[in-house]
ModelCIF file with pLDDT and N, C-alpha, C, O atoms, coordinates in Angstrom:
data_MODEL
#
_entry.id   MODEL 
#
_entity.id                         1 
_entity.type                       polymer 
_entity.pdbx_number_of_molecules   1 
#
_entity_poly.entity_id                      1 
_entity_poly.type                           'polypeptide(L)' 
_entity_poly.nstd_linkage                   no 
_entity_poly.nstd_monomer                   no 
_entity_poly.pdbx_seq_one_letter_code       GSGTGVTEILWSSGGISDGFEDLQATLGQGPGPDSLAAGTAVRVPD 
_entity_poly.pdbx_seq_one_letter_code_can   GSGTGVTEILWSSGGISDGFEDLQATLGQGPGPDSLAAGTAVRVPD 
_entity_poly.pdbx_strand_id                 A 
#
loop_
_entity_poly_seq.entity_id 
_entity_poly_seq.num 
_entity_poly_seq.mon_id 
_entity_poly_seq.hetero 
1 1  GLY n 
1 2  SER n 
1 3  GLY n 
1 4  THR n 
1 5  GLY n 
1 6  VAL n 
1 7  THR n 
1 8  GLU n 
1 9  ILE n 
1 10 LEU n 
1 11 TRP n 
1 12 SER n 
1 13 SER n 
1 14 GLY n 
1 15 GLY n 
1 16 ILE n 
1 17 SER n 
1 18 ASP n 
1 19 GLY n 
1 20 PHE n 
1 21 GLU n 
1 22 ASP n 
1 23 LEU n 
1 24 GLN n 
1 25 ALA n 
1 26 THR n 
1 27 LEU n 
1 28 GLY n 
1 29 GLN n 
1 30 GLY n 
1 31 PRO n 
1 32 GLY n 
1 33 PRO n 
1 34 ASP n 
1 35 SER n 
1 36 LEU n 
1 37 ALA n 
1 38 ALA n 
1 39 GLY n 
1 40 THR n 
1 41 ALA n 
1 42 VAL n 
1 43 ARG n 
1 44 VAL n 
1 45 PRO n 
1 46 ASP n 
#
_struct_asym.id          A 
_struct_asym.entity_id   1 
#
loop_
_ma_qa_metric.id 
_ma_qa_metric.mode 
_ma_qa_metric.name 
_ma_qa_metric.software_group_id 
_ma_qa_metric.type 
1 global pLDDT . pLDDT 
2 local  pLDDT . pLDDT 
#
_ma_qa_metric_global.metric_id      1 
_ma_qa_metric_global.metric_value   82.02 
_ma_qa_metric_global.model_id       1 
_ma_qa_metric_global.ordinal_id     1 
#
loop_
_ma_qa_metric_local.label_asym_id 
_ma_qa_metric_local.label_comp_id 
_ma_qa_metric_local.label_seq_id 
_ma_qa_metric_local.metric_id 
_ma_qa_metric_local.metric_value 
_ma_qa_metric_local.model_id 
_ma_qa_metric_local.ordinal_id 
A GLY 1  2 71.00 1 1  
A SER 2  2 67.00 1 2  
A GLY 3  2 64.00 1 3  
A THR 4  2 68.00 1 4  
A GLY 5  2 64.00 1 5  
A VAL 6  2 72.00 1 6  
A THR 7  2 75.00 1 7  
A GLU 8  2 78.00 1 8  
A ILE 9  2 76.00 1 9  
A LEU 10 2 75.00 1 10 
A TRP 11 2 75.00 1 11 
A SER 12 2 77.00 1 12 
A SER 13 2 77.00 1 13 
A GLY 14 2 74.00 1 14 
A GLY 15 2 78.00 1 15 
A ILE 16 2 84.00 1 16 
A SER 17 2 84.00 1 17 
A ASP 18 2 85.00 1 18 
A GLY 19 2 88.00 1 19 
A PHE 20 2 89.00 1 20 
A GLU 21 2 88.00 1 21 
A ASP 22 2 88.00 1 22 
A LEU 23 2 89.00 1 23 
A GLN 24 2 87.00 1 24 
A ALA 25 2 85.00 1 25 
A THR 26 2 88.00 1 26 
A LEU 27 2 90.00 1 27 
A GLY 28 2 87.00 1 28 
A GLN 29 2 89.00 1 29 
A GLY 30 2 90.00 1 30 
A PRO 31 2 89.00 1 31 
A GLY 32 2 86.00 1 32 
A PRO 33 2 86.00 1 33 
A ASP 34 2 87.00 1 34 
A SER 35 2 84.00 1 35 
A LEU 36 2 82.00 1 36 
A ALA 37 2 82.00 1 37 
A ALA 38 2 83.00 1 38 
A GLY 39 2 80.00 1 39 
A THR 40 2 83.00 1 40 
A ALA 41 2 84.00 1 41 
A VAL 42 2 88.00 1 42 
A ARG 43 2 88.00 1 43 
A VAL 44 2 90.00 1 44 
A PRO 45 2 89.00 1 45 
A ASP 46 2 90.00 1 46 
#
loop_
_atom_site.group_PDB 
_atom_site.id 
_atom_site.type_symbol 
_atom_site.label_atom_id 
_atom_site.label_alt_id 
_atom_site.label_comp_id 
_atom_site.label_asym_id 
_atom_site.label_entity_id 
_atom_site.label_seq_id 
_atom_site.pdbx_PDB_ins_code 
_atom_site.Cartn_x 
_atom_site.Cartn_y 
_atom_site.Cartn_z 
_atom_site.occupancy 
_atom_site.B_iso_or_equiv 
_atom_site.pdbx_formal_charge 
_atom_site.auth_seq_id 
_atom_site.auth_comp_id 
_atom_site.auth_asym_id 
_atom_site.auth_atom_id 
_atom_site.pdbx_PDB_model_num 
ATOM 1   N N  . GLY A 1 1  ? 257.560 56.059 44.462 1.00 71.00 ? 1  GLY A N  1 
ATOM 2   C CA . GLY A 1 1  ? 258.150 57.377 44.261 1.00 71.00 ? 1  GLY A CA 1 
ATOM 3   C C  . GLY A 1 1  ? 259.127 57.381 43.114 1.00 71.00 ? 1  GLY A C  1 
ATOM 4   O O  . GLY A 1 1  ? 259.662 56.348 42.713 1.00 71.00 ? 1  GLY A O  1 
ATOM 5   N N  . SER A 1 2  ? 259.342 58.559 42.603 1.00 67.00 ? 2  SER A N  1 
ATOM 6   C CA . SER A 1 2  ? 260.285 58.718 41.497 1.00 67.00 ? 2  SER A CA 1 
ATOM 7   C C  . SER A 1 2  ? 261.511 59.470 41.976 1.00 67.00 ? 2  SER A C  1 
ATOM 8   O O  . SER A 1 2  ? 261.529 60.009 43.083 1.00 67.00 ? 2  SER A O  1 
ATOM 9   N N  . GLY A 1 3  ? 262.519 59.503 41.152 1.00 64.00 ? 3  GLY A N  1 
ATOM 10  C CA . GLY A 1 3  ? 263.730 60.239 41.477 1.00 64.00 ? 3  GLY A CA 1 
ATOM 11  C C  . GLY A 1 3  ? 263.498 61.730 41.606 1.00 64.00 ? 3  GLY A C  1 
ATOM 12  O O  . GLY A 1 3  ? 264.327 62.445 42.170 1.00 64.00 ? 3  GLY A O  1 
ATOM 13  N N  . THR A 1 4  ? 262.370 62.207 41.086 1.00 68.00 ? 4  THR A N  1 
ATOM 14  C CA . THR A 1 4  ? 262.048 63.634 41.183 1.00 68.00 ? 4  THR A CA 1 
ATOM 15  C C  . THR A 1 4  ? 261.356 63.973 42.495 1.00 68.00 ? 4  THR A C  1 
ATOM 16  O O  . THR A 1 4  ? 261.070 65.140 42.763 1.00 68.00 ? 4  THR A O  1 
ATOM 17  N N  . GLY A 1 5  ? 261.085 62.960 43.315 1.00 64.00 ? 5  GLY A N  1 
ATOM 18  C CA . GLY A 1 5  ? 260.445 63.185 44.600 1.00 64.00 ? 5  GLY A CA 1 
ATOM 19  C C  . GLY A 1 5  ? 258.936 63.083 44.573 1.00 64.00 ? 5  GLY A C  1 
ATOM 20  O O  . GLY A 1 5  ? 258.292 63.237 45.611 1.00 64.00 ? 5  GLY A O  1 
ATOM 21  N N  . VAL A 1 6  ? 258.355 62.828 43.412 1.00 72.00 ? 6  VAL A N  1 
ATOM 22  C CA . VAL A 1 6  ? 256.905 62.678 43.294 1.00 72.00 ? 6  VAL A CA 1 
ATOM 23  C C  . VAL A 1 6  ? 256.525 61.291 43.793 1.00 72.00 ? 6  VAL A C  1 
ATOM 24  O O  . VAL A 1 6  ? 257.111 60.293 43.373 1.00 72.00 ? 6  VAL A O  1 
ATOM 25  N N  . THR A 1 7  ? 255.543 61.227 44.691 1.00 75.00 ? 7  THR A N  1 
ATOM 26  C CA . THR A 1 7  ? 255.091 59.939 45.207 1.00 75.00 ? 7  THR A CA 1 
ATOM 27  C C  . THR A 1 7  ? 253.600 59.772 44.981 1.00 75.00 ? 7  THR A C  1 
ATOM 28  O O  . THR A 1 7  ? 252.859 60.742 44.822 1.00 75.00 ? 7  THR A O  1 
ATOM 29  N N  . GLU A 1 8  ? 253.187 58.523 44.973 1.00 78.00 ? 8  GLU A N  1 
ATOM 30  C CA . GLU A 1 8  ? 251.778 58.197 44.831 1.00 78.00 ? 8  GLU A CA 1 
ATOM 31  C C  . GLU A 1 8  ? 251.464 57.037 45.761 1.00 78.00 ? 8  GLU A C  1 
ATOM 32  O O  . GLU A 1 8  ? 252.204 56.054 45.803 1.00 78.00 ? 8  GLU A O  1 
ATOM 33  N N  . ILE A 1 9  ? 250.379 57.144 46.501 1.00 76.00 ? 9  ILE A N  1 
ATOM 34  C CA . ILE A 1 9  ? 249.954 56.057 47.379 1.00 76.00 ? 9  ILE A CA 1 
ATOM 35  C C  . ILE A 1 9  ? 249.348 54.956 46.510 1.00 76.00 ? 9  ILE A C  1 
ATOM 36  O O  . ILE A 1 9  ? 248.383 55.187 45.782 1.00 76.00 ? 9  ILE A O  1 
ATOM 37  N N  . LEU A 1 10 ? 249.927 53.757 46.595 1.00 75.00 ? 10 LEU A N  1 
ATOM 38  C CA . LEU A 1 10 ? 249.409 52.610 45.855 1.00 75.00 ? 10 LEU A CA 1 
ATOM 39  C C  . LEU A 1 10 ? 248.359 51.860 46.653 1.00 75.00 ? 10 LEU A C  1 
ATOM 40  O O  . LEU A 1 10 ? 247.406 51.317 46.093 1.00 75.00 ? 10 LEU A O  1 
ATOM 41  N N  . TRP A 1 11 ? 248.542 51.835 47.965 1.00 75.00 ? 11 TRP A N  1 
ATOM 42  C CA . TRP A 1 11 ? 247.612 51.141 48.848 1.00 75.00 ? 11 TRP A CA 1 
ATOM 43  C C  . TRP A 1 11 ? 247.776 51.711 50.241 1.00 75.00 ? 11 TRP A C  1 
ATOM 44  O O  . TRP A 1 11 ? 248.875 52.088 50.647 1.00 75.00 ? 11 TRP A O  1 
ATOM 45  N N  . SER A 1 12 ? 246.673 51.771 50.969 1.00 77.00 ? 12 SER A N  1 
ATOM 46  C CA . SER A 1 12 ? 246.747 52.245 52.347 1.00 77.00 ? 12 SER A CA 1 
ATOM 47  C C  . SER A 1 12 ? 245.632 51.604 53.163 1.00 77.00 ? 12 SER A C  1 
ATOM 48  O O  . SER A 1 12 ? 244.561 51.289 52.645 1.00 77.00 ? 12 SER A O  1 
ATOM 49  N N  . SER A 1 13 ? 245.906 51.420 54.448 1.00 77.00 ? 13 SER A N  1 
ATOM 50  C CA . SER A 1 13 ? 244.870 50.907 55.337 1.00 77.00 ? 13 SER A CA 1 
ATOM 51  C C  . SER A 1 13 ? 243.911 52.026 55.746 1.00 77.00 ? 13 SER A C  1 
ATOM 52  O O  . SER A 1 13 ? 242.950 51.787 56.479 1.00 77.00 ? 13 SER A O  1 
ATOM 53  N N  . GLY A 1 14 ? 244.171 53.239 55.276 1.00 74.00 ? 14 GLY A N  1 
ATOM 54  C CA . GLY A 1 14 ? 243.271 54.362 55.518 1.00 74.00 ? 14 GLY A CA 1 
ATOM 55  C C  . GLY A 1 14 ? 243.616 55.129 56.776 1.00 74.00 ? 14 GLY A C  1 
ATOM 56  O O  . GLY A 1 14 ? 244.602 54.838 57.452 1.00 74.00 ? 14 GLY A O  1 
ATOM 57  N N  . GLY A 1 15 ? 242.790 56.109 57.076 1.00 78.00 ? 15 GLY A N  1 
ATOM 58  C CA . GLY A 1 15 ? 242.939 56.895 58.297 1.00 78.00 ? 15 GLY A CA 1 
ATOM 59  C C  . GLY A 1 15 ? 244.284 57.556 58.445 1.00 78.00 ? 15 GLY A C  1 
ATOM 60  O O  . GLY A 1 15 ? 244.700 58.346 57.598 1.00 78.00 ? 15 GLY A O  1 
ATOM 61  N N  . ILE A 1 16 ? 244.964 57.230 59.526 1.00 84.00 ? 16 ILE A N  1 
ATOM 62  C CA . ILE A 1 16 ? 246.238 57.844 59.870 1.00 84.00 ? 16 ILE A CA 1 
ATOM 63  C C  . ILE A 1 16 ? 247.293 57.611 58.790 1.00 84.00 ? 16 ILE A C  1 
ATOM 64  O O  . ILE A 1 16 ? 248.142 58.473 58.560 1.00 84.00 ? 16 ILE A O  1 
ATOM 65  N N  . SER A 1 17 ? 247.249 56.460 58.129 1.00 84.00 ? 17 SER A N  1 
ATOM 66  C CA . SER A 1 17 ? 248.229 56.163 57.072 1.00 84.00 ? 17 SER A CA 1 
ATOM 67  C C  . SER A 1 17 ? 248.063 57.114 55.896 1.00 84.00 ? 17 SER A C  1 
ATOM 68  O O  . SER A 1 17 ? 249.043 57.663 55.394 1.00 84.00 ? 17 SER A O  1 
ATOM 69  N N  . ASP A 1 18 ? 246.824 57.309 55.456 1.00 85.00 ? 18 ASP A N  1 
ATOM 70  C CA . ASP A 1 18 ? 246.567 58.252 54.363 1.00 85.00 ? 18 ASP A CA 1 
ATOM 71  C C  . ASP A 1 18 ? 247.012 59.653 54.745 1.00 85.00 ? 18 ASP A C  1 
ATOM 72  O O  . ASP A 1 18 ? 247.668 60.341 53.963 1.00 85.00 ? 18 ASP A O  1 
ATOM 73  N N  . GLY A 1 19 ? 246.651 60.068 55.946 1.00 88.00 ? 19 GLY A N  1 
ATOM 74  C CA . GLY A 1 19 ? 246.986 61.414 56.406 1.00 88.00 ? 19 GLY A CA 1 
ATOM 75  C C  . GLY A 1 19 ? 248.479 61.653 56.449 1.00 88.00 ? 19 GLY A C  1 
ATOM 76  O O  . GLY A 1 19 ? 248.960 62.703 56.025 1.00 88.00 ? 19 GLY A O  1 
ATOM 77  N N  . PHE A 1 20 ? 249.211 60.681 56.960 1.00 89.00 ? 20 PHE A N  1 
ATOM 78  C CA . PHE A 1 20 ? 250.657 60.855 57.072 1.00 89.00 ? 20 PHE A CA 1 
ATOM 79  C C  . PHE A 1 20 ? 251.326 60.848 55.701 1.00 89.00 ? 20 PHE A C  1 
ATOM 80  O O  . PHE A 1 20 ? 252.227 61.648 55.452 1.00 89.00 ? 20 PHE A O  1 
ATOM 81  N N  . GLU A 1 21 ? 250.900 59.962 54.816 1.00 88.00 ? 21 GLU A N  1 
ATOM 82  C CA . GLU A 1 21 ? 251.468 59.925 53.461 1.00 88.00 ? 21 GLU A CA 1 
ATOM 83  C C  . GLU A 1 21 ? 251.177 61.229 52.726 1.00 88.00 ? 21 GLU A C  1 
ATOM 84  O O  . GLU A 1 21 ? 252.057 61.774 52.060 1.00 88.00 ? 21 GLU A O  1 
ATOM 85  N N  . ASP A 1 22 ? 249.946 61.732 52.842 1.00 88.00 ? 22 ASP A N  1 
ATOM 86  C CA . ASP A 1 22 ? 249.599 63.007 52.213 1.00 88.00 ? 22 ASP A CA 1 
ATOM 87  C C  . ASP A 1 22 ? 250.448 64.142 52.774 1.00 88.00 ? 22 ASP A C  1 
ATOM 88  O O  . ASP A 1 22 ? 250.903 65.016 52.035 1.00 88.00 ? 22 ASP A O  1 
ATOM 89  N N  . LEU A 1 23 ? 250.654 64.118 54.078 1.00 89.00 ? 23 LEU A N  1 
ATOM 90  C CA . LEU A 1 23 ? 251.451 65.153 54.734 1.00 89.00 ? 23 LEU A CA 1 
ATOM 91  C C  . LEU A 1 23 ? 252.889 65.156 54.206 1.00 89.00 ? 23 LEU A C  1 
ATOM 92  O O  . LEU A 1 23 ? 253.440 66.212 53.896 1.00 89.00 ? 23 LEU A O  1 
ATOM 93  N N  . GLN A 1 24 ? 253.488 63.976 54.106 1.00 87.00 ? 24 GLN A N  1 
ATOM 94  C CA . GLN A 1 24 ? 254.859 63.892 53.583 1.00 87.00 ? 24 GLN A CA 1 
ATOM 95  C C  . GLN A 1 24 ? 254.926 64.381 52.139 1.00 87.00 ? 24 GLN A C  1 
ATOM 96  O O  . GLN A 1 24 ? 255.859 65.091 51.762 1.00 87.00 ? 24 GLN A O  1 
ATOM 97  N N  . ALA A 1 25 ? 253.934 64.000 51.330 1.00 85.00 ? 25 ALA A N  1 
ATOM 98  C CA . ALA A 1 25 ? 253.927 64.414 49.924 1.00 85.00 ? 25 ALA A CA 1 
ATOM 99  C C  . ALA A 1 25 ? 253.738 65.925 49.795 1.00 85.00 ? 25 ALA A C  1 
ATOM 100 O O  . ALA A 1 25 ? 254.386 66.568 48.968 1.00 85.00 ? 25 ALA A O  1 
ATOM 101 N N  . THR A 1 26 ? 252.860 66.481 50.604 1.00 88.00 ? 26 THR A N  1 
ATOM 102 C CA . THR A 1 26 ? 252.594 67.916 50.549 1.00 88.00 ? 26 THR A CA 1 
ATOM 103 C C  . THR A 1 26 ? 253.788 68.729 51.014 1.00 88.00 ? 26 THR A C  1 
ATOM 104 O O  . THR A 1 26 ? 254.151 69.726 50.389 1.00 88.00 ? 26 THR A O  1 
ATOM 105 N N  . LEU A 1 27 ? 254.403 68.301 52.119 1.00 90.00 ? 27 LEU A N  1 
ATOM 106 C CA . LEU A 1 27 ? 255.514 69.058 52.704 1.00 90.00 ? 27 LEU A CA 1 
ATOM 107 C C  . LEU A 1 27 ? 256.854 68.743 52.052 1.00 90.00 ? 27 LEU A C  1 
ATOM 108 O O  . LEU A 1 27 ? 257.791 69.537 52.129 1.00 90.00 ? 27 LEU A O  1 
ATOM 109 N N  . GLY A 1 28 ? 256.942 67.577 51.408 1.00 87.00 ? 28 GLY A N  1 
ATOM 110 C CA . GLY A 1 28 ? 258.206 67.172 50.789 1.00 87.00 ? 28 GLY A CA 1 
ATOM 111 C C  . GLY A 1 28 ? 259.276 66.824 51.803 1.00 87.00 ? 28 GLY A C  1 
ATOM 112 O O  . GLY A 1 28 ? 260.468 66.873 51.500 1.00 87.00 ? 28 GLY A O  1 
ATOM 113 N N  . GLN A 1 29 ? 258.854 66.473 53.008 1.00 89.00 ? 29 GLN A N  1 
ATOM 114 C CA . GLN A 1 29 ? 259.821 66.098 54.031 1.00 89.00 ? 29 GLN A CA 1 
ATOM 115 C C  . GLN A 1 29 ? 259.261 64.982 54.892 1.00 89.00 ? 29 GLN A C  1 
ATOM 116 O O  . GLN A 1 29 ? 258.048 64.804 55.003 1.00 89.00 ? 29 GLN A O  1 
ATOM 117 N N  . GLY A 1 30 ? 260.165 64.241 55.493 1.00 90.00 ? 30 GLY A N  1 
ATOM 118 C CA . GLY A 1 30 ? 259.769 63.138 56.360 1.00 90.00 ? 30 GLY A CA 1 
ATOM 119 C C  . GLY A 1 30 ? 260.562 61.897 56.037 1.00 90.00 ? 30 GLY A C  1 
ATOM 120 O O  . GLY A 1 30 ? 261.428 61.920 55.163 1.00 90.00 ? 30 GLY A O  1 
ATOM 121 N N  . PRO A 1 31 ? 260.279 60.819 56.731 1.00 89.00 ? 31 PRO A N  1 
ATOM 122 C CA . PRO A 1 31 ? 261.028 59.588 56.514 1.00 89.00 ? 31 PRO A CA 1 
ATOM 123 C C  . PRO A 1 31 ? 260.827 58.994 55.120 1.00 89.00 ? 31 PRO A C  1 
ATOM 124 O O  . PRO A 1 31 ? 261.744 58.376 54.580 1.00 89.00 ? 31 PRO A O  1 
ATOM 125 N N  . GLY A 1 32 ? 259.648 59.171 54.530 1.00 86.00 ? 32 GLY A N  1 
ATOM 126 C CA . GLY A 1 32 ? 259.408 58.657 53.178 1.00 86.00 ? 32 GLY A CA 1 
ATOM 127 C C  . GLY A 1 32 ? 260.303 59.320 52.148 1.00 86.00 ? 32 GLY A C  1 
ATOM 128 O O  . GLY A 1 32 ? 261.036 58.627 51.443 1.00 86.00 ? 32 GLY A O  1 
ATOM 129 N N  . PRO A 1 33 ? 260.265 60.654 52.036 1.00 86.00 ? 33 PRO A N  1 
ATOM 130 C CA . PRO A 1 33 ? 261.165 61.324 51.097 1.00 86.00 ? 33 PRO A CA 1 
ATOM 131 C C  . PRO A 1 33 ? 262.647 61.053 51.386 1.00 86.00 ? 33 PRO A C  1 
ATOM 132 O O  . PRO A 1 33 ? 263.442 60.909 50.457 1.00 86.00 ? 33 PRO A O  1 
ATOM 133 N N  . ASP A 1 34 ? 263.017 60.982 52.666 1.00 87.00 ? 34 ASP A N  1 
ATOM 134 C CA . ASP A 1 34 ? 264.411 60.686 53.009 1.00 87.00 ? 34 ASP A CA 1 
ATOM 135 C C  . ASP A 1 34 ? 264.806 59.288 52.553 1.00 87.00 ? 34 ASP A C  1 
ATOM 136 O O  . ASP A 1 34 ? 265.901 59.090 52.026 1.00 87.00 ? 34 ASP A O  1 
ATOM 137 N N  . SER A 1 35 ? 263.918 58.317 52.754 1.00 84.00 ? 35 SER A N  1 
ATOM 138 C CA . SER A 1 35 ? 264.178 56.941 52.359 1.00 84.00 ? 35 SER A CA 1 
ATOM 139 C C  . SER A 1 35 ? 264.313 56.834 50.849 1.00 84.00 ? 35 SER A C  1 
ATOM 140 O O  . SER A 1 35 ? 265.198 56.141 50.346 1.00 84.00 ? 35 SER A O  1 
ATOM 141 N N  . LEU A 1 36 ? 263.442 57.514 50.133 1.00 82.00 ? 36 LEU A N  1 
ATOM 142 C CA . LEU A 1 36 ? 263.491 57.500 48.673 1.00 82.00 ? 36 LEU A CA 1 
ATOM 143 C C  . LEU A 1 36 ? 264.784 58.136 48.167 1.00 82.00 ? 36 LEU A C  1 
ATOM 144 O O  . LEU A 1 36 ? 265.433 57.604 47.267 1.00 82.00 ? 36 LEU A O  1 
ATOM 145 N N  . ALA A 1 37 ? 265.150 59.264 48.743 1.00 82.00 ? 37 ALA A N  1 
ATOM 146 C CA . ALA A 1 37 ? 266.358 59.976 48.301 1.00 82.00 ? 37 ALA A CA 1 
ATOM 147 C C  . ALA A 1 37 ? 267.637 59.193 48.591 1.00 82.00 ? 37 ALA A C  1 
ATOM 148 O O  . ALA A 1 37 ? 268.551 59.162 47.766 1.00 82.00 ? 37 ALA A O  1 
ATOM 149 N N  . ALA A 1 38 ? 267.701 58.563 49.761 1.00 83.00 ? 38 ALA A N  1 
ATOM 150 C CA . ALA A 1 38 ? 268.918 57.863 50.169 1.00 83.00 ? 38 ALA A CA 1 
ATOM 151 C C  . ALA A 1 38 ? 268.961 56.401 49.722 1.00 83.00 ? 38 ALA A C  1 
ATOM 152 O O  . ALA A 1 38 ? 270.031 55.793 49.670 1.00 83.00 ? 38 ALA A O  1 
ATOM 153 N N  . GLY A 1 39 ? 267.788 55.839 49.398 1.00 80.00 ? 39 GLY A N  1 
ATOM 154 C CA . GLY A 1 39 ? 267.733 54.433 49.028 1.00 80.00 ? 39 GLY A CA 1 
ATOM 155 C C  . GLY A 1 39 ? 267.952 53.497 50.195 1.00 80.00 ? 39 GLY A C  1 
ATOM 156 O O  . GLY A 1 39 ? 268.348 52.347 50.009 1.00 80.00 ? 39 GLY A O  1 
ATOM 157 N N  . THR A 1 40 ? 267.695 53.988 51.406 1.00 83.00 ? 40 THR A N  1 
ATOM 158 C CA . THR A 1 40 ? 267.853 53.175 52.613 1.00 83.00 ? 40 THR A CA 1 
ATOM 159 C C  . THR A 1 40 ? 266.616 53.294 53.481 1.00 83.00 ? 40 THR A C  1 
ATOM 160 O O  . THR A 1 40 ? 265.797 54.195 53.300 1.00 83.00 ? 40 THR A O  1 
ATOM 161 N N  . ALA A 1 41 ? 266.490 52.384 54.415 1.00 84.00 ? 41 ALA A N  1 
ATOM 162 C CA . ALA A 1 41 ? 265.376 52.435 55.359 1.00 84.00 ? 41 ALA A CA 1 
ATOM 163 C C  . ALA A 1 41 ? 265.564 53.600 56.326 1.00 84.00 ? 41 ALA A C  1 
ATOM 164 O O  . ALA A 1 41 ? 266.685 53.950 56.695 1.00 84.00 ? 41 ALA A O  1 
ATOM 165 N N  . VAL A 1 42 ? 264.448 54.185 56.723 1.00 88.00 ? 42 VAL A N  1 
ATOM 166 C CA . VAL A 1 42 ? 264.451 55.236 57.745 1.00 88.00 ? 42 VAL A CA 1 
ATOM 167 C C  . VAL A 1 42 ? 263.493 54.779 58.838 1.00 88.00 ? 42 VAL A C  1 
ATOM 168 O O  . VAL A 1 42 ? 262.304 54.569 58.595 1.00 88.00 ? 42 VAL A O  1 
ATOM 169 N N  . ARG A 1 43 ? 264.027 54.629 60.040 1.00 88.00 ? 43 ARG A N  1 
ATOM 170 C CA . ARG A 1 43 ? 263.227 54.152 61.178 1.00 88.00 ? 43 ARG A CA 1 
ATOM 171 C C  . ARG A 1 43 ? 263.144 55.246 62.224 1.00 88.00 ? 43 ARG A C  1 
ATOM 172 O O  . ARG A 1 43 ? 264.158 55.767 62.687 1.00 88.00 ? 43 ARG A O  1 
ATOM 173 N N  . VAL A 1 44 ? 261.911 55.584 62.589 1.00 90.00 ? 44 VAL A N  1 
ATOM 174 C CA . VAL A 1 44 ? 261.686 56.620 63.598 1.00 90.00 ? 44 VAL A CA 1 
ATOM 175 C C  . VAL A 1 44 ? 260.761 56.013 64.657 1.00 90.00 ? 44 VAL A C  1 
ATOM 176 O O  . VAL A 1 44 ? 259.540 56.105 64.533 1.00 90.00 ? 44 VAL A O  1 
ATOM 177 N N  . PRO A 1 45 ? 261.332 55.390 65.700 1.00 89.00 ? 45 PRO A N  1 
ATOM 178 C CA . PRO A 1 45 ? 260.507 54.717 66.701 1.00 89.00 ? 45 PRO A CA 1 
ATOM 179 C C  . PRO A 1 45 ? 259.704 55.661 67.585 1.00 89.00 ? 45 PRO A C  1 
ATOM 180 O O  . PRO A 1 45 ? 258.734 55.232 68.210 1.00 89.00 ? 45 PRO A O  1 
ATOM 181 N N  . ASP A 1 46 ? 260.077 56.928 67.653 1.00 90.00 ? 46 ASP A N  1 
ATOM 182 C CA . ASP A 1 46 ? 259.332 57.902 68.454 1.00 90.00 ? 46 ASP A CA 1 
ATOM 183 C C  . ASP A 1 46 ? 259.412 59.264 67.765 1.00 90.00 ? 46 ASP A C  1 
ATOM 184 O O  . ASP A 1 46 ? 258.853 60.241 68.263 1.00 90.00 ? 46 ASP A O  1 
#
């Protein structure tokens, strides 16, 4: 990801991983964008 919030999938195991990454990129929200913006890990166990 870049500082502008644009992300690109470099590798995925497919299926649910692709879907979730696409969803975060499309919506611009989720643990991925939060982690990128804050520079820290985001853990959501449930």
